[in-house]
Protein backbone atom coordinates (compact mmCIF):
# COMPACT_ATOMS: atom_id res chain seq x y z
CA MET A 1 -3.77 70.58 4.51
CA TYR A 2 -1.88 69.39 1.08
CA THR A 3 0.72 67.48 3.43
CA GLU A 4 -2.02 65.85 5.64
CA HIS A 5 -3.92 64.74 2.55
CA LEU A 6 -0.77 62.99 1.05
CA TRP A 7 -0.29 61.21 4.44
CA GLN A 8 -3.46 59.96 4.41
CA VAL A 9 -3.40 58.85 0.84
CA ARG A 10 -0.13 57.09 1.76
CA GLU A 11 -1.51 55.22 4.77
CA PHE A 12 -4.21 53.92 2.72
CA ILE A 13 -1.78 52.52 0.02
CA MET A 14 0.11 51.09 2.80
CA TRP A 15 -3.18 49.45 4.50
CA CYS A 16 -4.15 48.04 0.86
CA PHE A 17 -0.76 46.46 0.69
CA ARG A 18 -0.81 44.91 4.00
CA VAL A 19 -4.36 43.37 3.11
CA ILE A 20 -3.40 42.08 -0.34
CA THR A 21 -0.01 40.77 1.14
CA ALA A 22 -2.00 38.98 3.91
CA ALA A 23 -4.49 37.50 1.55
CA MET A 24 -1.85 35.98 -0.90
CA ILE A 25 0.01 34.39 2.02
CA SER A 26 -3.56 33.05 3.23
CA VAL A 27 -3.85 31.54 -0.27
CA CYS A 28 -0.41 30.20 -0.41
CA LEU A 29 -0.85 28.32 2.99
CA ILE A 30 -4.15 26.88 1.96
CA SER A 31 -2.73 25.51 -1.17
CA VAL A 32 0.35 23.86 0.59
CA SER A 33 -1.98 22.62 3.17
CA HIS A 34 -4.45 20.86 0.17
CA ALA A 35 -1.38 19.59 -1.39
CA GLN A 36 -0.21 17.93 2.02
CA ILE A 37 -3.56 16.16 2.66
CA LYS A 38 -3.37 12.69 1.83
CA SER A 39 -6.02 11.11 -0.44
CA GLY A 40 -8.92 9.03 1.47
CA TYR A 41 -10.38 5.64 0.69
CA GLY A 42 -12.74 3.21 2.19
CA TYR A 43 -11.26 0.56 4.41
CA VAL A 44 -12.00 -1.84 1.55
CA GLU A 45 -10.82 -1.02 -2.23
CA GLU A 46 -10.24 -3.13 -5.16
CA VAL A 47 -6.75 -3.68 -6.58
CA TYR A 48 -5.41 -5.00 -9.71
CA LEU A 49 -2.60 -7.71 -9.28
CA MET A 50 -0.17 -7.21 -11.86
CA PRO A 51 0.87 -8.13 -14.49
CA ASP A 52 -1.98 -10.52 -14.47
CA GLU A 53 -4.58 -7.62 -13.89
CA ALA A 54 -6.56 -9.93 -11.69
CA LEU A 55 -9.21 -7.67 -10.01
CA VAL A 56 -9.47 -8.47 -6.02
CA PRO A 57 -10.80 -7.03 -2.88
CA ALA A 58 -8.27 -5.76 -0.73
CA LYS A 59 -8.68 -4.58 3.15
CA LEU A 60 -6.70 -1.48 3.93
CA ASP A 61 -5.60 -2.24 7.65
CA THR A 62 -3.98 0.22 9.67
CA GLY A 63 -3.69 -2.17 12.38
CA ALA A 64 -1.23 -4.17 10.24
CA GLY A 65 2.39 -3.04 9.80
CA VAL A 66 3.25 -5.48 6.83
CA SER A 67 0.99 -6.24 4.13
CA SER A 68 -0.25 -10.07 3.33
CA VAL A 69 -1.63 -12.18 0.27
CA SER A 70 -3.06 -15.38 0.20
CA ALA A 71 -0.83 -18.02 -0.70
CA ASP A 72 -0.97 -21.83 -1.24
CA ASN A 73 1.50 -24.43 -2.17
CA ILE A 74 4.30 -22.19 -1.16
CA GLN A 75 7.74 -23.37 -2.52
CA VAL A 76 11.24 -22.04 -1.67
CA TYR A 77 14.26 -22.89 -4.04
CA LYS A 78 17.63 -21.66 -4.71
CA LYS A 79 18.45 -20.30 -8.32
CA ASP A 80 21.94 -18.64 -9.47
CA ASP A 81 22.69 -18.74 -5.43
CA LYS A 82 19.40 -16.67 -4.79
CA GLN A 83 16.47 -17.67 -2.82
CA TYR A 84 12.99 -17.83 -4.62
CA VAL A 85 9.40 -18.48 -3.80
CA ARG A 86 6.91 -20.11 -5.70
CA PHE A 87 3.16 -19.86 -4.82
CA GLU A 88 -0.20 -19.83 -5.89
CA LEU A 89 -2.76 -16.94 -5.00
CA VAL A 90 -6.21 -18.13 -5.20
CA TYR A 91 -9.12 -15.91 -5.18
CA LYS A 92 -12.58 -15.44 -6.56
CA THR A 93 -13.49 -13.38 -9.55
CA GLN A 94 -16.31 -10.65 -9.88
CA LYS A 95 -18.69 -13.80 -11.22
CA GLY A 96 -17.74 -15.88 -8.00
CA LYS A 97 -15.44 -18.25 -9.92
CA ALA A 98 -12.14 -19.76 -8.03
CA ALA A 99 -9.08 -18.72 -9.76
CA LYS A 100 -5.54 -18.52 -9.33
CA ILE A 101 -2.45 -16.88 -10.28
CA ASP A 102 1.26 -18.67 -10.10
CA TYR A 103 3.60 -16.27 -8.97
CA ASP A 104 7.52 -17.07 -8.91
CA LEU A 105 9.41 -14.05 -6.84
CA PRO A 106 12.74 -13.41 -5.07
CA LEU A 107 12.27 -14.10 -1.53
CA LYS A 108 13.13 -11.02 0.62
CA GLY A 109 13.04 -12.74 3.90
CA GLU A 110 10.98 -14.27 6.70
CA MET A 111 8.74 -12.74 9.52
CA HIS A 112 7.72 -14.54 12.48
CA ILE A 113 3.98 -13.50 13.44
CA LYS A 114 3.19 -14.21 17.50
CA ASN A 115 0.16 -16.47 17.78
CA ARG A 116 -2.98 -15.65 19.63
CA ALA A 117 -3.95 -18.00 22.33
CA GLY A 118 -6.16 -21.09 20.24
CA GLU A 119 -4.81 -19.53 17.07
CA SER A 120 -2.50 -22.39 15.87
CA ASP A 121 -2.81 -25.83 16.52
CA ASP A 122 0.84 -26.69 17.64
CA GLN A 123 2.57 -25.11 20.47
CA SER A 124 4.87 -22.65 18.68
CA LYS A 125 4.47 -19.30 20.03
CA TYR A 126 5.45 -17.88 16.44
CA THR A 127 4.19 -18.52 12.99
CA ARG A 128 6.87 -18.10 9.99
CA ARG A 129 5.90 -16.50 6.96
CA PHE A 130 7.79 -15.57 4.10
CA VAL A 131 7.98 -12.30 2.49
CA VAL A 132 7.99 -10.95 -0.93
CA THR A 133 7.70 -7.99 -2.95
CA MET A 134 5.12 -7.75 -5.42
CA PRO A 135 3.53 -5.15 -7.91
CA ILE A 136 -0.24 -4.17 -6.99
CA CYS A 137 -2.21 -1.85 -8.75
CA PHE A 138 -3.84 0.44 -6.76
CA ASP A 139 -6.29 3.64 -7.92
CA GLY A 140 -4.08 3.39 -11.41
CA LYS A 141 -0.97 3.31 -10.36
CA ILE A 142 1.65 0.33 -9.48
CA TYR A 143 3.19 -0.25 -6.35
CA GLN A 144 5.47 -2.30 -5.09
CA VAL A 145 4.51 -3.79 -1.93
CA GLU A 146 6.02 -5.72 0.39
CA ALA A 147 3.77 -8.63 1.82
CA ASN A 148 3.92 -11.70 3.72
CA LEU A 149 2.20 -15.06 2.48
CA THR A 150 -0.30 -16.71 4.04
CA ASP A 151 -3.44 -18.82 3.61
CA ARG A 152 -6.25 -16.21 3.67
CA GLN A 153 -8.87 -18.71 1.81
CA ASP A 154 -11.03 -18.26 4.72
CA PHE A 155 -10.81 -14.68 4.88
CA LEU A 156 -13.03 -12.37 3.13
CA TYR A 157 -10.03 -10.58 1.40
CA PRO A 158 -7.24 -12.33 -0.25
CA VAL A 159 -5.06 -9.03 0.08
CA LEU A 160 -4.31 -7.27 3.05
CA LEU A 161 -2.66 -3.72 2.72
CA GLY A 162 -0.76 -2.75 5.96
CA ARG A 163 0.54 0.65 6.95
CA ARG A 164 3.94 0.43 5.14
CA ALA A 165 2.16 -0.08 1.91
CA LEU A 166 -0.53 2.60 2.90
CA ASN A 167 2.11 5.18 3.55
CA LYS A 168 3.87 4.38 0.34
CA MET A 169 0.35 4.99 -1.70
CA ASN A 170 0.23 8.14 0.31
CA VAL A 171 -3.34 7.39 1.38
CA VAL A 172 -5.40 7.36 4.76
CA VAL A 173 -8.20 5.24 5.48
CA ASP A 174 -12.21 6.26 6.58
CA PRO A 175 -13.30 3.19 8.27
CA GLY A 176 -17.08 4.37 7.45
CA GLN A 177 -16.48 4.10 3.61
CA ARG A 178 -15.84 1.43 1.36
CA ARG A 179 -15.11 1.12 -2.63
CA THR A 180 -14.79 4.93 -3.00
CA PHE A 181 -13.56 4.70 -6.48
CA THR A 182 -13.72 2.70 -9.84
CA PRO A 183 -10.88 0.63 -10.36
CA VAL A 184 -8.46 1.96 -13.10
CA LYS A 185 -6.31 -0.62 -14.84
CA CYS A 186 -2.58 0.11 -14.79
CA VAL A 187 -0.61 0.59 -17.88
CA PHE A 188 1.91 -2.42 -18.03
CA LYS A 189 4.10 -2.65 -20.92
CA GLU A 190 6.75 -5.18 -21.80
CA GLN A 191 9.43 -2.39 -21.05
CA ASN A 192 7.58 -1.53 -17.88
CA ALA A 193 7.73 -5.45 -16.79
CA THR A 194 11.38 -5.45 -17.23
CA GLN A 195 11.78 -2.35 -14.87
CA VAL A 196 9.20 -3.88 -12.14
CA LYS A 197 11.55 -7.18 -12.17
CA GLN A 198 14.73 -5.27 -11.67
CA GLU A 199 13.00 -3.14 -8.95
CA ILE A 200 11.69 -6.25 -7.31
CA GLU A 201 15.29 -7.81 -7.53
CA ASN A 202 17.17 -4.47 -6.12
CA THR A 203 15.12 -4.86 -3.28
CA THR A 204 15.98 -8.26 -2.70
CA LYS A 205 19.83 -8.26 -2.55
CA ALA A 206 20.32 -8.34 1.11
CA GLU A 207 20.37 -11.65 2.83
CA PRO A 208 16.97 -12.81 4.27
CA GLN A 209 16.31 -11.56 7.65
CA ALA A 210 14.02 -12.84 10.56
CA VAL A 211 11.55 -10.09 11.69
CA THR A 212 9.70 -10.51 14.74
CA SER A 213 6.07 -9.19 14.67
CA THR A 214 3.20 -9.17 17.10
CA ALA A 215 -0.21 -9.64 15.73
CA LYS A 216 -2.87 -7.73 17.45
CA SER A 217 -5.85 -9.18 15.65
CA VAL A 218 -6.64 -11.51 12.91
CA SER A 219 -8.20 -9.32 9.88
CA LYS A 220 -10.50 -10.84 7.77
């Protein structure tokens, strides 16, 4: 009888151990799963263009591979045997007034976007766009975003963030939502400005390359 009682106690202790172990494993798996879930955002969010801290609406477009920014008066030139591009980014302030930012950035390369039927006035099959890397503040953090330059003044949003940028930002898009967070300015101190400039130049050390991309749609 005494031996049988000890055996029952032993079985009960082992059962408790298995239950506790299973519960701990479940908690750990749930924690890891939550850690890997990306942050959800709306298809339109507001971003700060750095270092000017200009607040503009951006469209988060999973249908576009590369991001785009509105650019006017684009000028490519050489300096110290490197290619640079000057351009103006035109946008509207929150009060509806027209404003612009002057950029002077290293030229990363070129893209050739396939035109849709009737999209271009000339007979060219592709439209050439210059590509740069520029700092954009998204939800309180600065990202170096690769973007092509195109005139988006007739579009609703001066900035379009494509899949590459969205993956770098580790976000997913909920097409049923928009403006899901209150924009937070990024800290952009003088020492950070030097670091950002170095990061941009490091991404442009390679010779500019032409990339062919097929545009499935025109996003506004």
